[in-house]
C-alpha atoms as a PDB file:
ATOM      1  CA  UNK A   1       5.612 -22.817  15.072  1.00  0.00           C
ATOM      2  CA  UNK A   2       9.179 -22.936  16.273  1.00  0.00           C
ATOM      3  CA  UNK A   3      10.357 -19.774  18.124  1.00  0.00           C
ATOM      4  CA  UNK A   4      13.269 -19.339  15.724  1.00  0.00           C
ATOM      5  CA  UNK A   5      10.908 -19.455  12.733  1.00  0.00           C
ATOM      6  CA  UNK A   6       8.650 -16.899  14.401  1.00  0.00           C
ATOM      7  CA  UNK A   7      11.606 -14.598  15.044  1.00  0.00           C
ATOM      8  CA  UNK A   8      12.745 -14.938  11.426  1.00  0.00           C
ATOM      9  CA  UNK A   9       9.230 -14.117  10.217  1.00  0.00           C
ATOM     10  CA  UNK A  10       9.060 -11.013  12.412  1.00  0.00           C
ATOM     11  CA  UNK A  11      12.474  -9.805  11.244  1.00  0.00           C
ATOM     12  CA  UNK A  12      11.537 -10.428   7.602  1.00  0.00           C
ATOM     13  CA  UNK A  13       8.269  -8.548   8.085  1.00  0.00           C
ATOM     14  CA  UNK A  14      10.081  -5.576   9.662  1.00  0.00           C
ATOM     15  CA  UNK A  15      12.611  -5.473   6.813  1.00  0.00           C
ATOM     16  CA  UNK A  16       9.792  -5.586   4.253  1.00  0.00           C
ATOM     17  CA  UNK A  17       7.984  -2.758   6.043  1.00  0.00           C
ATOM     18  CA  UNK A  18      11.187  -0.692   6.071  1.00  0.00           C
ATOM     19  CA  UNK A  19      11.708  -1.266   2.326  1.00  0.00           C
ATOM     20  CA  UNK A  20       8.106  -0.218   1.649  1.00  0.00           C
ATOM     21  CA  UNK A  21       8.579   2.942   3.727  1.00  0.00           C
ATOM     22  CA  UNK A  22      11.790   3.798   1.885  1.00  0.00           C
ATOM     23  CA  UNK A  23      10.070   3.293  -1.476  1.00  0.00           C
ATOM     24  CA  UNK A  24       7.135   5.491  -0.399  1.00  0.00           C
ATOM     25  CA  UNK A  25       9.500   8.204   0.810  1.00  0.00           C
ATOM     26  CA  UNK A  26      11.582   8.033  -2.389  1.00  0.00           C
ATOM     27  CA  UNK A  27       8.496   8.409  -4.585  1.00  0.00           C
ATOM     28  CA  UNK A  28       7.137  11.275  -2.475  1.00  0.00           C
ATOM     29  CA  UNK A  29      10.436  13.185  -2.417  1.00  0.00           C
ATOM     30  CA  UNK A  30      11.120  12.586  -6.109  1.00  0.00           C
ATOM     31  CA  UNK A  31       7.693  13.792  -7.231  1.00  0.00           C
ATOM     32  CA  UNK A  32       7.918  16.762  -4.849  1.00  0.00           C
ATOM     33  CA  UNK A  33      11.228  17.857  -6.356  1.00  0.00           C
ATOM     34  CA  UNK A  34       9.937  17.335  -9.896  1.00  0.00           C
ATOM     35  CA  UNK A  35       6.734  19.337  -9.300  1.00  0.00           C
ATOM     36  CA  UNK A  36       8.668  22.092  -7.505  1.00  0.00           C
ATOM     37  CA  UNK A  37      10.949  22.484 -10.523  1.00  0.00           C
ATOM     38  CA  UNK A  38       8.056  22.506 -12.998  1.00  0.00           C
ATOM     39  CA  UNK A  39       5.775  25.023 -11.247  1.00  0.00           C
ATOM     40  CA  UNK A  40       7.059  28.589 -11.216  1.00  0.00           C
ATOM     41  CA  UNK A  41       6.573  30.244  -7.827  1.00  0.00           C
ATOM     42  CA  UNK A  42       5.926  33.988  -7.835  1.00  0.00           C
ATOM     43  CA  UNK A  43       6.770  36.149  -4.833  1.00  0.00           C
ATOM     44  CA  UNK A  44       4.132  37.042  -2.276  1.00  0.00           C
ATOM     45  CA  UNK A  45       1.128  35.177  -0.916  1.00  0.00           C
ATOM     46  CA  UNK A  46       0.534  33.264  -4.160  1.00  0.00           C
ATOM     47  CA  UNK A  47       4.062  31.866  -3.954  1.00  0.00           C
ATOM     48  CA  UNK A  48       3.412  30.450  -0.490  1.00  0.00           C
ATOM     49  CA  UNK A  49       0.221  28.767  -1.619  1.00  0.00           C
ATOM     50  CA  UNK A  50       1.871  27.325  -4.737  1.00  0.00           C
ATOM     51  CA  UNK A  51       4.712  26.150  -2.511  1.00  0.00           C
ATOM     52  CA  UNK A  52       2.267  23.727  -0.893  1.00  0.00           C
ATOM     53  CA  UNK A  53       1.334  22.124  -4.208  1.00  0.00           C
ATOM     54  CA  UNK A  54       4.605  20.211  -4.609  1.00  0.00           C
ATOM     55  CA  UNK A  55       4.569  18.327  -1.273  1.00  0.00           C
ATOM     56  CA  UNK A  56       0.868  17.552  -1.574  1.00  0.00           C
ATOM     57  CA  UNK A  57       1.396  16.235  -5.105  1.00  0.00           C
ATOM     58  CA  UNK A  58       4.374  14.126  -3.981  1.00  0.00           C
ATOM     59  CA  UNK A  59       2.530  12.455  -1.132  1.00  0.00           C
ATOM     60  CA  UNK A  60      -0.579  12.079  -3.298  1.00  0.00           C
ATOM     61  CA  UNK A  61       1.279  10.292  -6.091  1.00  0.00           C
ATOM     62  CA  UNK A  62       3.070   8.015  -3.619  1.00  0.00           C
ATOM     63  CA  UNK A  63      -0.250   7.188  -1.933  1.00  0.00           C
ATOM     64  CA  UNK A  64      -1.835   6.413  -5.283  1.00  0.00           C
ATOM     65  CA  UNK A  65       1.059   4.132  -6.194  1.00  0.00           C
ATOM     66  CA  UNK A  66       0.782   2.155  -2.980  1.00  0.00           C
ATOM     67  CA  UNK A  67      -3.021   2.165  -3.050  1.00  0.00           C
ATOM     68  CA  UNK A  68      -3.118   0.812  -6.582  1.00  0.00           C
ATOM     69  CA  UNK A  69      -0.650  -1.894  -5.616  1.00  0.00           C
ATOM     70  CA  UNK A  70      -2.767  -3.000  -2.664  1.00  0.00           C
ATOM     71  CA  UNK A  71      -5.948  -3.137  -4.762  1.00  0.00           C
ATOM     72  CA  UNK A  72      -4.159  -5.184  -7.422  1.00  0.00           C
ATOM     73  CA  UNK A  73      -2.836  -7.607  -4.813  1.00  0.00           C
ATOM     74  CA  UNK A  74      -6.242  -8.019  -3.176  1.00  0.00           C
ATOM     75  CA  UNK A  75      -7.942  -8.725  -6.492  1.00  0.00           C
ATOM     76  CA  UNK A  76      -5.222 -11.106  -7.540  1.00  0.00           C
ATOM     77  CA  UNK A  77      -5.772 -13.486  -4.621  1.00  0.00           C
ATOM     78  CA  UNK A  78      -9.525 -13.015  -4.326  1.00  0.00           C
ATOM     79  CA  UNK A  79     -10.537 -16.552  -5.267  1.00  0.00           C
ATOM     80  CA  UNK A  80      -7.302 -18.414  -4.627  1.00  0.00           C
ATOM     81  CA  UNK A  81      -6.505 -20.577  -1.648  1.00  0.00           C
ATOM     82  CA  UNK A  82     -10.083 -20.467  -0.397  1.00  0.00           C
ATOM     83  CA  UNK A  83      -9.889 -16.943   1.004  1.00  0.00           C
ATOM     84  CA  UNK A  84     -13.396 -15.955  -0.082  1.00  0.00           C
ATOM     85  CA  UNK A  85     -14.927 -19.377  -0.698  1.00  0.00           C
ATOM     86  CA  UNK A  86     -17.661 -21.057   1.285  1.00  0.00           C
ATOM     87  CA  UNK A  87     -16.445 -23.649   3.764  1.00  0.00           C
ATOM     88  CA  UNK A  88     -16.752 -27.243   2.560  1.00  0.00           C
ATOM     89  CA  UNK A  89     -19.987 -29.042   3.330  1.00  0.00           C
ATOM     90  CA  UNK A  90     -19.974 -31.701   5.977  1.00  0.00           C
ATOM     91  CA  UNK A  91     -20.888 -34.809   4.010  1.00  0.00           C
ATOM     92  CA  UNK A  92     -21.081 -36.924   7.133  1.00  0.00           C
ATOM     93  CA  UNK A  93     -24.408 -35.399   8.227  1.00  0.00           C
ATOM     94  CA  UNK A  94     -27.636 -36.120   6.374  1.00  0.00           C
ATOM     95  CA  UNK A  95     -29.298 -33.107   4.723  1.00  0.00           C
ATOM     96  CA  UNK A  96     -31.822 -31.252   6.866  1.00  0.00           C
ATOM     97  CA  UNK A  97     -35.449 -32.079   6.164  1.00  0.00           C
ATOM     98  CA  UNK A  98     -37.792 -29.344   5.078  1.00  0.00           C
END
């Protein structure tokens, strides 16, 4: 592989990783704000505990979104391009005798 092609691949991979991180962060922050507005928080110790629900829900939903996407992608390419297929038989050798 040419060094310039390798550099372009690395830069493209880094940009893709940055976009994925931004999407994860946007989902987490958006769900956190939405849950925080929906759940009433009383004063006192119960309010502090309920205050933890929103960030946990935000990160949980973002993780589920990205986890579901990775499972879908893995299943989509399971039998394509020979990723999980047996290697081809060597037809040049005679079959082993029993």
